[in-house]
Amino acid sequence: MDAEIDRLIALHADKAFAVALRMTGNSTDAGDVVQEAFLRVMRYFDKYDPTLPFEAWLVQILKNVYFTSLRREASRRSVSMSYKKDEDSASLEDFLAETAPGPERLAQARENTDRVQGALTLVSPAMRMAIVLVDLEGVAREEAAATLGCSLSALDVRLHRGRARLKELLS
């Protein structure tokens, strides 16, 4: 069983870090979330139903770890509300549309990634999780709703409000 756990962790480590990075907004916190999530995977692997997708179970654990860390650090951590809109900055749609590599584009893409990540940190955690799962990770709406423990209509509301808030922050 340990070999199976190791195989699944190795197979999903990059995806787990990407999801955690989008949730947390920085690589240090993302690493902490992933580490704790994988510890829980090892601890509770006997409760995993192998007939279900491992990735969905892992994302659920990542979400739980992230929300637990938010609650634990709520009194210590504050999010800066001084995020400044730049009139020369690209919209989220422009950022996502850029695909051609090159030094200028890579620098601009990095700046845009930082802007989007910064804006994501200003969106409520519930809306952020919906956006990360559906828009950034491509998880089906039904699966995202199940992962977040909400109805499809509640997920749609979170997506709509979260996208509107991101658009406001990035314009």
N, C-alpha and C. Protein backbone atom coordinates (compact mmCIF):
# COMPACT_ATOMS: atom_id res chain seq x y z
N MET A 1 0.82 -1.19 0.00
CA MET A 1 0.00 0.00 0.00
C MET A 1 0.87 1.26 0.00
N ASP A 2 2.03 1.23 0.69
CA ASP A 2 2.91 2.39 0.71
C ASP A 2 3.40 2.73 -0.69
N ALA A 3 3.67 1.71 -1.50
CA ALA A 3 4.11 1.95 -2.87
C ALA A 3 3.01 2.64 -3.67
N GLU A 4 1.77 2.26 -3.45
CA GLU A 4 0.64 2.88 -4.15
C GLU A 4 0.48 4.34 -3.73
N ILE A 5 0.63 4.63 -2.45
CA ILE A 5 0.56 6.01 -1.96
C ILE A 5 1.67 6.83 -2.59
N ASP A 6 2.89 6.31 -2.57
CA ASP A 6 4.03 7.01 -3.16
C ASP A 6 3.80 7.28 -4.64
N ARG A 7 3.25 6.30 -5.35
CA ARG A 7 3.00 6.46 -6.78
C ARG A 7 1.97 7.56 -7.03
N LEU A 8 0.89 7.56 -6.26
CA LEU A 8 -0.17 8.56 -6.45
C LEU A 8 0.32 9.96 -6.08
N ILE A 9 1.10 10.05 -5.03
CA ILE A 9 1.64 11.35 -4.63
C ILE A 9 2.57 11.88 -5.71
N ALA A 10 3.46 11.04 -6.20
CA ALA A 10 4.39 11.46 -7.25
C ALA A 10 3.63 11.88 -8.51
N LEU A 11 2.59 11.15 -8.84
CA LEU A 11 1.80 11.43 -10.04
C LEU A 11 1.06 12.76 -9.94
N HIS A 12 0.61 13.13 -8.75
CA HIS A 12 -0.24 14.31 -8.57
C HIS A 12 0.44 15.47 -7.86
N ALA A 13 1.72 15.39 -7.57
CA ALA A 13 2.41 16.43 -6.80
C ALA A 13 2.39 17.78 -7.51
N ASP A 14 2.69 17.81 -8.79
CA ASP A 14 2.73 19.08 -9.52
C ASP A 14 1.35 19.73 -9.57
N LYS A 15 0.34 18.94 -9.86
CA LYS A 15 -1.03 19.46 -9.92
C LYS A 15 -1.46 19.97 -8.55
N ALA A 16 -1.14 19.25 -7.50
CA ALA A 16 -1.49 19.66 -6.15
C ALA A 16 -0.84 21.00 -5.81
N PHE A 17 0.42 21.16 -6.18
CA PHE A 17 1.10 22.42 -5.90
C PHE A 17 0.48 23.56 -6.69
N ALA A 18 0.13 23.30 -7.96
CA ALA A 18 -0.49 24.34 -8.78
C ALA A 18 -1.82 24.79 -8.18
N VAL A 19 -2.63 23.85 -7.74
CA VAL A 19 -3.92 24.18 -7.12
C VAL A 19 -3.68 24.96 -5.83
N ALA A 20 -2.76 24.50 -5.01
CA ALA A 20 -2.48 25.17 -3.74
C ALA A 20 -1.92 26.57 -3.96
N LEU A 21 -1.09 26.73 -4.97
CA LEU A 21 -0.52 28.04 -5.28
C LEU A 21 -1.62 29.03 -5.67
N ARG A 22 -2.56 28.56 -6.44
CA ARG A 22 -3.66 29.44 -6.84
C ARG A 22 -4.57 29.76 -5.66
N MET A 23 -4.70 28.84 -4.74
CA MET A 23 -5.53 29.09 -3.56
C MET A 23 -4.86 30.08 -2.62
N THR A 24 -3.57 29.87 -2.36
CA THR A 24 -2.89 30.63 -1.33
C THR A 24 -2.29 31.93 -1.82
N GLY A 25 -1.85 31.95 -3.06
CA GLY A 25 -1.26 33.18 -3.60
C GLY A 25 0.24 33.28 -3.46
N ASN A 26 0.87 32.32 -2.78
CA ASN A 26 2.33 32.35 -2.71
C ASN A 26 2.87 30.94 -2.53
N SER A 27 4.10 30.75 -2.97
CA SER A 27 4.66 29.40 -3.01
C SER A 27 4.96 28.84 -1.62
N THR A 28 5.29 29.69 -0.67
CA THR A 28 5.58 29.21 0.68
C THR A 28 4.33 28.59 1.30
N ASP A 29 3.23 29.33 1.29
CA ASP A 29 1.98 28.80 1.85
C ASP A 29 1.49 27.60 1.04
N ALA A 30 1.67 27.66 -0.28
CA ALA A 30 1.24 26.53 -1.12
C ALA A 30 2.01 25.27 -0.74
N GLY A 31 3.31 25.40 -0.53
CA GLY A 31 4.11 24.26 -0.11
C GLY A 31 3.64 23.68 1.22
N ASP A 32 3.29 24.57 2.15
CA ASP A 32 2.78 24.12 3.44
C ASP A 32 1.46 23.38 3.29
N VAL A 33 0.56 23.91 2.44
CA VAL A 33 -0.74 23.27 2.22
C VAL A 33 -0.55 21.89 1.58
N VAL A 34 0.31 21.81 0.58
CA VAL A 34 0.55 20.54 -0.09
C VAL A 34 1.17 19.53 0.86
N GLN A 35 2.13 19.98 1.65
CA GLN A 35 2.77 19.07 2.60
C GLN A 35 1.75 18.50 3.59
N GLU A 36 0.93 19.38 4.15
CA GLU A 36 -0.09 18.91 5.09
C GLU A 36 -1.10 18.01 4.39
N ALA A 37 -1.46 18.34 3.17
CA ALA A 37 -2.43 17.51 2.42
C ALA A 37 -1.86 16.11 2.18
N PHE A 38 -0.59 16.03 1.80
CA PHE A 38 0.00 14.72 1.56
C PHE A 38 0.17 13.93 2.85
N LEU A 39 0.42 14.62 3.96
CA LEU A 39 0.45 13.92 5.24
C LEU A 39 -0.92 13.32 5.55
N ARG A 40 -1.98 14.07 5.24
CA ARG A 40 -3.33 13.55 5.46
C ARG A 40 -3.64 12.41 4.50
N VAL A 41 -3.14 12.49 3.27
CA VAL A 41 -3.33 11.39 2.32
C VAL A 41 -2.73 10.12 2.89
N MET A 42 -1.51 10.23 3.42
CA MET A 42 -0.86 9.04 3.99
C MET A 42 -1.60 8.54 5.24
N ARG A 43 -2.06 9.48 6.05
CA ARG A 43 -2.74 9.12 7.30
C ARG A 43 -4.09 8.47 7.05
N TYR A 44 -4.82 8.96 6.05
CA TYR A 44 -6.20 8.50 5.83
C TYR A 44 -6.38 7.71 4.53
N PHE A 45 -5.28 7.19 3.99
CA PHE A 45 -5.38 6.47 2.73
C PHE A 45 -6.31 5.26 2.83
N ASP A 46 -6.43 4.67 4.00
CA ASP A 46 -7.31 3.52 4.17
C ASP A 46 -8.78 3.91 4.00
N LYS A 47 -9.09 5.20 4.08
CA LYS A 47 -10.47 5.67 3.90
C LYS A 47 -10.76 6.05 2.44
N TYR A 48 -9.72 6.09 1.60
CA TYR A 48 -9.88 6.44 0.19
C TYR A 48 -10.58 5.30 -0.56
N ASP A 49 -11.57 5.66 -1.35
CA ASP A 49 -12.30 4.70 -2.18
C ASP A 49 -11.64 4.67 -3.55
N PRO A 50 -10.91 3.60 -3.88
CA PRO A 50 -10.17 3.55 -5.15
C PRO A 50 -11.06 3.53 -6.39
N THR A 51 -12.36 3.38 -6.21
CA THR A 51 -13.25 3.43 -7.38
C THR A 51 -13.52 4.88 -7.79
N LEU A 52 -13.14 5.82 -6.93
CA LEU A 52 -13.32 7.25 -7.23
C LEU A 52 -11.98 7.85 -7.65
N PRO A 53 -12.02 8.95 -8.41
CA PRO A 53 -10.75 9.57 -8.85
C PRO A 53 -9.94 10.09 -7.67
N PHE A 54 -8.67 9.72 -7.65
CA PHE A 54 -7.77 10.16 -6.58
C PHE A 54 -7.65 11.68 -6.59
N GLU A 55 -7.58 12.27 -7.78
CA GLU A 55 -7.40 13.72 -7.89
C GLU A 55 -8.52 14.49 -7.20
N ALA A 56 -9.75 14.03 -7.34
CA ALA A 56 -10.89 14.70 -6.69
C ALA A 56 -10.74 14.62 -5.17
N TRP A 57 -10.32 13.46 -4.67
CA TRP A 57 -10.12 13.28 -3.24
C TRP A 57 -9.00 14.20 -2.75
N LEU A 58 -7.92 14.28 -3.53
CA LEU A 58 -6.79 15.13 -3.17
C LEU A 58 -7.19 16.60 -3.16
N VAL A 59 -7.94 17.05 -4.15
CA VAL A 59 -8.37 18.45 -4.19
C VAL A 59 -9.25 18.76 -2.98
N GLN A 60 -10.09 17.82 -2.60
CA GLN A 60 -10.93 18.01 -1.41
C GLN A 60 -10.05 18.18 -0.17
N ILE A 61 -9.02 17.37 -0.05
CA ILE A 61 -8.10 17.47 1.08
C ILE A 61 -7.36 18.81 1.04
N LEU A 62 -6.89 19.21 -0.15
CA LEU A 62 -6.21 20.50 -0.29
C LEU A 62 -7.13 21.64 0.16
N LYS A 63 -8.38 21.58 -0.27
CA LYS A 63 -9.36 22.60 0.10
C LYS A 63 -9.54 22.64 1.62
N ASN A 64 -9.69 21.48 2.23
CA ASN A 64 -9.88 21.42 3.67
C ASN A 64 -8.67 21.96 4.42
N VAL A 65 -7.48 21.59 3.97
CA VAL A 65 -6.26 22.08 4.61
C VAL A 65 -6.16 23.59 4.47
N TYR A 66 -6.47 24.09 3.28
CA TYR A 66 -6.40 25.53 3.04
C TYR A 66 -7.37 26.28 3.94
N PHE A 67 -8.62 25.84 3.99
CA PHE A 67 -9.61 26.52 4.83
C PHE A 67 -9.24 26.42 6.31
N THR A 68 -8.69 25.30 6.72
CA THR A 68 -8.24 25.17 8.10
C THR A 68 -7.12 26.16 8.39
N SER A 69 -6.19 26.31 7.45
CA SER A 69 -5.10 27.27 7.66
C SER A 69 -5.62 28.70 7.68
N LEU A 70 -6.64 29.00 6.88
CA LEU A 70 -7.24 30.34 6.91
C LEU A 70 -7.85 30.62 8.28
N ARG A 71 -8.59 29.66 8.79
CA ARG A 71 -9.21 29.85 10.10
C ARG A 71 -8.16 30.00 11.18
N ARG A 72 -7.12 29.19 11.11
CA ARG A 72 -6.08 29.20 12.14
C ARG A 72 -5.31 30.52 12.12
N GLU A 73 -5.08 31.07 10.94
CA GLU A 73 -4.26 32.27 10.83
C GLU A 73 -5.08 33.54 10.67
N ALA A 74 -6.38 33.45 10.82
CA ALA A 74 -7.24 34.62 10.60
C ALA A 74 -6.85 35.79 11.48
N SER A 75 -6.46 35.52 12.69
CA SER A 75 -6.10 36.61 13.59
C SER A 75 -4.71 37.16 13.31
N ARG A 76 -3.85 36.36 12.71
CA ARG A 76 -2.47 36.79 12.44
C ARG A 76 -2.29 37.39 11.07
N ARG A 77 -3.01 36.89 10.09
CA ARG A 77 -2.76 37.27 8.71
C ARG A 77 -3.76 38.32 8.27
N SER A 78 -3.25 39.32 7.61
CA SER A 78 -4.14 40.31 7.01
C SER A 78 -3.76 40.47 5.55
N VAL A 79 -4.75 40.69 4.74
CA VAL A 79 -4.54 40.87 3.31
C VAL A 79 -4.53 42.37 3.04
N SER A 80 -3.51 42.82 2.37
CA SER A 80 -3.42 44.23 2.05
C SER A 80 -4.53 44.63 1.09
N MET A 81 -5.25 45.65 1.45
CA MET A 81 -6.32 46.15 0.58
C MET A 81 -5.81 47.30 -0.28
N SER A 82 -4.50 47.49 -0.32
CA SER A 82 -3.93 48.59 -1.08
C SER A 82 -3.55 48.17 -2.50
N TYR A 83 -4.16 47.12 -3.00
CA TYR A 83 -3.90 46.66 -4.36
C TYR A 83 -4.26 47.79 -5.31
N LYS A 84 -3.31 48.21 -6.13
CA LYS A 84 -3.52 49.35 -7.01
C LYS A 84 -3.82 48.89 -8.42
N LYS A 85 -4.84 49.50 -9.01
CA LYS A 85 -5.16 49.23 -10.40
C LYS A 85 -4.23 50.07 -11.26
N ASP A 86 -3.69 49.48 -12.31
CA ASP A 86 -2.79 50.17 -13.21
C ASP A 86 -3.50 50.38 -14.54
N GLU A 87 -3.56 51.63 -15.00
CA GLU A 87 -4.30 51.90 -16.23
C GLU A 87 -3.65 51.25 -17.45
N ASP A 88 -2.37 50.91 -17.38
CA ASP A 88 -1.69 50.25 -18.49
C ASP A 88 -1.75 48.74 -18.41
N SER A 89 -2.38 48.21 -17.38
CA SER A 89 -2.39 46.76 -17.20
C SER A 89 -3.41 46.09 -18.10
N ALA A 90 -3.15 44.83 -18.38
CA ALA A 90 -4.02 44.06 -19.26
C ALA A 90 -5.19 43.49 -18.46
N SER A 91 -6.27 43.21 -19.14
CA SER A 91 -7.41 42.58 -18.50
C SER A 91 -7.11 41.09 -18.32
N LEU A 92 -7.94 40.42 -17.54
CA LEU A 92 -7.78 38.98 -17.36
C LEU A 92 -7.89 38.26 -18.70
N GLU A 93 -8.82 38.70 -19.52
CA GLU A 93 -8.98 38.07 -20.84
C GLU A 93 -7.72 38.24 -21.68
N ASP A 94 -7.10 39.45 -21.65
CA ASP A 94 -5.86 39.67 -22.39
C ASP A 94 -4.74 38.79 -21.86
N PHE A 95 -4.67 38.68 -20.55
CA PHE A 95 -3.64 37.84 -19.94
C PHE A 95 -3.77 36.40 -20.40
N LEU A 96 -4.99 35.89 -20.37
CA LEU A 96 -5.20 34.50 -20.75
C LEU A 96 -5.00 34.27 -22.24
N ALA A 97 -5.20 35.32 -23.06
CA ALA A 97 -5.07 35.19 -24.50
C ALA A 97 -3.61 35.19 -24.96
N GLU A 98 -2.71 35.75 -24.18
CA GLU A 98 -1.30 35.81 -24.57
C GLU A 98 -0.69 34.41 -24.58
N THR A 99 -0.13 34.03 -25.72
CA THR A 99 0.44 32.68 -25.79
C THR A 99 1.84 32.65 -26.38
N ALA A 100 2.23 33.65 -27.16
CA ALA A 100 3.52 33.61 -27.83
C ALA A 100 4.65 33.86 -26.83
N PRO A 101 5.64 32.95 -26.79
CA PRO A 101 6.75 33.15 -25.88
C PRO A 101 7.71 34.21 -26.40
N GLY A 102 8.63 34.61 -25.61
CA GLY A 102 9.62 35.63 -25.94
C GLY A 102 9.92 36.41 -24.68
N PRO A 103 11.05 37.06 -24.63
CA PRO A 103 11.44 37.74 -23.40
C PRO A 103 10.42 38.77 -22.92
N GLU A 104 9.95 39.61 -23.84
CA GLU A 104 8.98 40.62 -23.43
C GLU A 104 7.67 39.98 -22.99
N ARG A 105 7.23 39.02 -23.78
CA ARG A 105 5.96 38.35 -23.44
C ARG A 105 6.09 37.56 -22.14
N LEU A 106 7.23 36.91 -21.95
CA LEU A 106 7.42 36.16 -20.71
C LEU A 106 7.42 37.09 -19.49
N ALA A 107 8.08 38.25 -19.62
CA ALA A 107 8.09 39.22 -18.52
C ALA A 107 6.68 39.75 -18.27
N GLN A 108 5.97 40.06 -19.36
CA GLN A 108 4.60 40.56 -19.23
C GLN A 108 3.69 39.48 -18.64
N ALA A 109 3.88 38.23 -19.08
CA ALA A 109 3.07 37.13 -18.56
C ALA A 109 3.32 36.95 -17.07
N ARG A 110 4.57 37.07 -16.65
CA ARG A 110 4.90 36.94 -15.22
C ARG A 110 4.24 38.07 -14.43
N GLU A 111 4.31 39.28 -14.97
CA GLU A 111 3.68 40.42 -14.30
C GLU A 111 2.17 40.21 -14.21
N ASN A 112 1.58 39.74 -15.30
CA ASN A 112 0.14 39.50 -15.32
C ASN A 112 -0.25 38.37 -14.36
N THR A 113 0.58 37.34 -14.32
CA THR A 113 0.32 36.25 -13.38
C THR A 113 0.33 36.77 -11.96
N ASP A 114 1.30 37.62 -11.66
CA ASP A 114 1.37 38.21 -10.33
C ASP A 114 0.14 39.08 -10.05
N ARG A 115 -0.31 39.83 -11.05
CA ARG A 115 -1.50 40.68 -10.88
C ARG A 115 -2.74 39.83 -10.63
N VAL A 116 -2.91 38.77 -11.44
CA VAL A 116 -4.07 37.90 -11.28
C VAL A 116 -4.01 37.22 -9.91
N GLN A 117 -2.82 36.72 -9.54
CA GLN A 117 -2.68 36.06 -8.24
C GLN A 117 -2.96 37.04 -7.12
N GLY A 118 -2.48 38.27 -7.25
CA GLY A 118 -2.76 39.29 -6.24
C GLY A 118 -4.25 39.59 -6.15
N ALA A 119 -4.89 39.67 -7.30
CA ALA A 119 -6.33 39.92 -7.32
C ALA A 119 -7.08 38.74 -6.71
N LEU A 120 -6.64 37.52 -7.00
CA LEU A 120 -7.30 36.35 -6.43
C LEU A 120 -7.26 36.35 -4.90
N THR A 121 -6.18 36.88 -4.33
CA THR A 121 -6.09 36.91 -2.87
C THR A 121 -7.08 37.88 -2.26
N LEU A 122 -7.60 38.81 -3.07
CA LEU A 122 -8.57 39.78 -2.57
C LEU A 122 -10.01 39.32 -2.74
N VAL A 123 -10.18 38.17 -3.38
CA VAL A 123 -11.51 37.58 -3.56
C VAL A 123 -11.76 36.65 -2.37
N SER A 124 -12.99 36.56 -1.92
CA SER A 124 -13.27 35.70 -0.76
C SER A 124 -12.83 34.27 -1.03
N PRO A 125 -12.45 33.53 0.00
CA PRO A 125 -11.97 32.15 -0.20
C PRO A 125 -12.98 31.26 -0.93
N ALA A 126 -14.26 31.40 -0.66
CA ALA A 126 -15.25 30.55 -1.32
C ALA A 126 -15.29 30.84 -2.82
N MET A 127 -15.27 32.12 -3.18
CA MET A 127 -15.28 32.48 -4.60
C MET A 127 -13.95 32.11 -5.25
N ARG A 128 -12.85 32.30 -4.52
CA ARG A 128 -11.53 31.96 -5.05
C ARG A 128 -11.44 30.48 -5.38
N MET A 129 -11.94 29.63 -4.46
CA MET A 129 -11.90 28.18 -4.71
C MET A 129 -12.71 27.81 -5.94
N ALA A 130 -13.88 28.42 -6.10
CA ALA A 130 -14.71 28.13 -7.27
C ALA A 130 -13.97 28.51 -8.55
N ILE A 131 -13.35 29.68 -8.57
CA ILE A 131 -12.61 30.14 -9.75
C ILE A 131 -11.41 29.25 -10.02
N VAL A 132 -10.67 28.91 -8.98
CA VAL A 132 -9.49 28.06 -9.15
C VAL A 132 -9.90 26.72 -9.75
N LEU A 133 -10.92 26.10 -9.17
CA LEU A 133 -11.31 24.77 -9.64
C LEU A 133 -11.88 24.81 -11.05
N VAL A 134 -12.84 25.69 -11.31
CA VAL A 134 -13.53 25.67 -12.60
C VAL A 134 -12.75 26.38 -13.70
N ASP A 135 -12.33 27.61 -13.45
CA ASP A 135 -11.70 28.41 -14.50
C ASP A 135 -10.22 28.11 -14.70
N LEU A 136 -9.50 27.86 -13.63
CA LEU A 136 -8.06 27.69 -13.76
C LEU A 136 -7.63 26.23 -13.85
N GLU A 137 -8.33 25.34 -13.18
CA GLU A 137 -7.97 23.93 -13.21
C GLU A 137 -8.84 23.11 -14.15
N GLY A 138 -9.93 23.68 -14.65
CA GLY A 138 -10.77 22.98 -15.61
C GLY A 138 -11.61 21.85 -15.04
N VAL A 139 -11.88 21.90 -13.75
CA VAL A 139 -12.71 20.87 -13.12
C VAL A 139 -14.16 21.10 -13.55
N ALA A 140 -14.87 20.03 -13.84
CA ALA A 140 -16.28 20.14 -14.23
C ALA A 140 -17.07 20.79 -13.11
N ARG A 141 -18.09 21.57 -13.48
CA ARG A 141 -18.88 22.29 -12.48
C ARG A 141 -19.49 21.35 -11.45
N GLU A 142 -20.00 20.22 -11.90
CA GLU A 142 -20.61 19.27 -10.97
C GLU A 142 -19.59 18.77 -9.94
N GLU A 143 -18.40 18.44 -10.43
CA GLU A 143 -17.35 17.96 -9.54
C GLU A 143 -16.88 19.07 -8.60
N ALA A 144 -16.77 20.29 -9.12
CA ALA A 144 -16.37 21.43 -8.29
C ALA A 144 -17.40 21.68 -7.20
N ALA A 145 -18.68 21.61 -7.55
CA ALA A 145 -19.73 21.82 -6.56
C ALA A 145 -19.65 20.75 -5.47
N ALA A 146 -19.42 19.50 -5.88
CA ALA A 146 -19.30 18.42 -4.90
C ALA A 146 -18.08 18.63 -4.02
N THR A 147 -16.97 19.03 -4.62
CA THR A 147 -15.74 19.27 -3.86
C THR A 147 -15.92 20.39 -2.84
N LEU A 148 -16.64 21.43 -3.25
CA LEU A 148 -16.85 22.58 -2.37
C LEU A 148 -18.02 22.38 -1.42
N GLY A 149 -18.78 21.30 -1.62
CA GLY A 149 -19.91 21.01 -0.73
C GLY A 149 -21.05 21.99 -0.90
N CYS A 150 -21.31 22.37 -2.14
CA CYS A 150 -22.41 23.31 -2.39
C CYS A 150 -23.20 22.85 -3.60
N SER A 151 -24.34 23.47 -3.83
CA SER A 151 -25.17 23.14 -4.99
C SER A 151 -24.59 23.78 -6.24
N LEU A 152 -25.05 23.32 -7.40
CA LEU A 152 -24.61 23.93 -8.66
C LEU A 152 -24.99 25.40 -8.72
N SER A 153 -26.16 25.73 -8.25
CA SER A 153 -26.57 27.13 -8.29
C SER A 153 -25.70 27.99 -7.37
N ALA A 154 -25.33 27.46 -6.22
CA ALA A 154 -24.43 28.20 -5.32
C ALA A 154 -23.05 28.36 -5.96
N LEU A 155 -22.58 27.32 -6.65
CA LEU A 155 -21.31 27.41 -7.35
C LEU A 155 -21.38 28.48 -8.43
N ASP A 156 -22.48 28.50 -9.18
CA ASP A 156 -22.64 29.50 -10.24
C ASP A 156 -22.63 30.93 -9.67
N VAL A 157 -23.25 31.11 -8.53
CA VAL A 157 -23.25 32.43 -7.88
C VAL A 157 -21.82 32.80 -7.48
N ARG A 158 -21.09 31.86 -6.89
CA ARG A 158 -19.71 32.13 -6.49
C ARG A 158 -18.85 32.48 -7.71
N LEU A 159 -19.04 31.72 -8.79
CA LEU A 159 -18.28 32.00 -10.01
C LEU A 159 -18.62 33.38 -10.57
N HIS A 160 -19.90 33.69 -10.64
CA HIS A 160 -20.33 34.98 -11.19
C HIS A 160 -19.78 36.14 -10.37
N ARG A 161 -19.95 36.07 -9.06
CA ARG A 161 -19.48 37.15 -8.19
C ARG A 161 -17.95 37.23 -8.17
N GLY A 162 -17.31 36.07 -8.15
CA GLY A 162 -15.84 36.05 -8.15
C GLY A 162 -15.26 36.60 -9.44
N ARG A 163 -15.83 36.23 -10.56
CA ARG A 163 -15.35 36.76 -11.85
C ARG A 163 -15.58 38.26 -11.94
N ALA A 164 -16.74 38.72 -11.45
CA ALA A 164 -17.02 40.15 -11.47
C ALA A 164 -16.02 40.90 -10.60
N ARG A 165 -15.70 40.34 -9.43
CA ARG A 165 -14.73 40.98 -8.53
C ARG A 165 -13.34 41.00 -9.16
N LEU A 166 -12.95 39.90 -9.80
CA LEU A 166 -11.65 39.87 -10.49
C LEU A 166 -11.60 40.89 -11.60
N LYS A 167 -12.67 40.98 -12.37
CA LYS A 167 -12.73 41.95 -13.47
C LYS A 167 -12.57 43.37 -12.93
N GLU A 168 -13.25 43.64 -11.83
CA GLU A 168 -13.16 44.95 -11.18
C GLU A 168 -11.73 45.23 -10.72
N LEU A 169 -11.11 44.26 -10.09
CA LEU A 169 -9.75 44.44 -9.58
C LEU A 169 -8.72 44.59 -10.69
N LEU A 170 -8.95 43.93 -11.82
CA LEU A 170 -7.97 43.93 -12.90
C LEU A 170 -8.20 45.02 -13.94
N SER A 171 -9.33 45.72 -13.84
CA SER A 171 -9.57 46.77 -14.85
C SER A 171 -8.95 48.08 -14.46
